[in-house]
Amino acid sequence: MENYTMAGRTYRYYGPEAPLYPFGYGLSYTTFTYRDLVLSPVALPACANLSVSVVVENTGQRDGEEVVQLYLRWEQPSVPVPRWQ
């Protein structure tokens, strides 16, 4: 194998379209609503800390647990990076 890049080989490097079934799709019997997302600061300099808060509410008819995930992206990367990190 001579080409070790992951471009086009995993959903993290596919084109501008989101995957049809992203990681974790369809794993719950209930629904959740996210609201009041607050990021501080909105733009994050290198090596800075990010504070995040969000309100998560179970809006379905069954009890459930939710794992909150936050994905970040580089605005203008100088090298190829995954679309989802």
Protein backbone atom coordinates (compact mmCIF):
# COMPACT_ATOMS: atom_id res chain seq x y z
CA MET A 1 0.00 0.00 0.00
CA GLU A 2 1.48 3.32 -1.04
CA ASN A 3 -1.36 5.77 -0.39
CA TYR A 4 -2.02 6.14 3.34
CA THR A 5 -4.47 9.05 3.11
CA MET A 6 -7.98 8.41 4.39
CA ALA A 7 -9.66 10.75 1.86
CA GLY A 8 -12.64 8.96 0.32
CA ARG A 9 -12.17 5.87 2.52
CA THR A 10 -14.11 6.83 5.64
CA TYR A 11 -17.13 9.03 6.35
CA ARG A 12 -14.85 11.55 8.12
CA TYR A 13 -13.24 12.40 4.77
CA TYR A 14 -16.12 12.11 2.30
CA GLY A 15 -17.24 15.17 0.32
CA PRO A 16 -19.56 17.94 1.52
CA GLU A 17 -22.56 15.63 2.04
CA ALA A 18 -23.27 14.24 5.51
CA PRO A 19 -23.41 10.43 5.73
CA LEU A 20 -26.86 8.90 5.19
CA TYR A 21 -26.65 7.08 8.52
CA PRO A 22 -24.20 8.89 10.83
CA PHE A 23 -22.62 7.25 13.87
CA GLY A 24 -25.29 6.45 16.48
CA TYR A 25 -28.24 6.80 14.07
CA GLY A 26 -31.39 5.03 15.22
CA LEU A 27 -30.12 3.77 18.57
CA SER A 28 -32.90 5.18 20.76
CA TYR A 29 -36.59 4.48 21.34
CA THR A 30 -37.24 8.10 22.28
CA THR A 31 -36.37 11.59 21.04
CA PHE A 32 -34.36 14.42 22.54
CA THR A 33 -34.36 18.17 21.96
CA TYR A 34 -31.26 20.33 22.30
CA ARG A 35 -31.63 24.04 23.05
CA ASP A 36 -29.79 27.04 24.42
CA LEU A 37 -26.37 26.00 23.10
CA VAL A 38 -23.73 28.45 24.35
CA LEU A 39 -20.08 28.38 23.21
CA SER A 40 -17.53 30.65 24.80
CA PRO A 41 -15.59 31.89 22.93
CA VAL A 42 -17.39 31.47 19.58
CA ALA A 43 -14.08 31.41 17.64
CA LEU A 44 -11.39 29.36 19.35
CA PRO A 45 -7.73 30.35 19.07
CA ALA A 46 -5.11 27.58 19.10
CA CYS A 47 -4.50 26.06 22.57
CA ALA A 48 -7.44 27.98 24.10
CA ASN A 49 -10.15 26.51 26.34
CA LEU A 50 -13.74 26.18 25.16
CA SER A 51 -16.71 26.33 27.53
CA VAL A 52 -19.90 24.66 26.30
CA SER A 53 -23.37 24.43 27.79
CA VAL A 54 -26.63 23.06 26.39
CA VAL A 55 -30.04 22.04 27.69
CA VAL A 56 -31.09 18.50 26.65
CA GLU A 57 -34.71 17.44 27.10
CA ASN A 58 -36.32 14.03 26.55
CA THR A 59 -39.32 14.89 24.35
CA GLY A 60 -40.34 11.29 23.64
CA GLN A 61 -42.81 9.02 25.39
CA ARG A 62 -40.20 6.62 26.79
CA ASP A 63 -37.37 7.05 29.27
CA GLY A 64 -33.98 7.26 27.68
CA GLU A 65 -30.39 8.35 28.04
CA GLU A 66 -28.55 10.67 25.68
CA VAL A 67 -24.82 11.11 25.13
CA VAL A 68 -24.17 14.69 24.06
CA GLN A 69 -21.55 14.96 21.33
CA LEU A 70 -19.88 18.11 20.04
CA TYR A 71 -18.10 18.16 16.67
CA LEU A 72 -15.60 20.88 15.81
CA ARG A 73 -14.14 21.87 12.47
CA TRP A 74 -11.26 23.99 11.26
CA GLU A 75 -12.41 27.15 9.44
CA GLN A 76 -9.42 27.31 7.09
CA PRO A 77 -7.12 24.32 7.62
CA SER A 78 -3.63 24.49 6.14
CA VAL A 79 -3.57 20.70 5.64
CA PRO A 80 -6.33 18.14 4.85
CA VAL A 81 -8.32 17.34 8.01
CA PRO A 82 -11.41 15.21 8.68
CA ARG A 83 -14.72 16.93 8.06
CA TRP A 84 -16.08 15.58 11.36
CA GLN A 85 -13.89 15.55 14.48
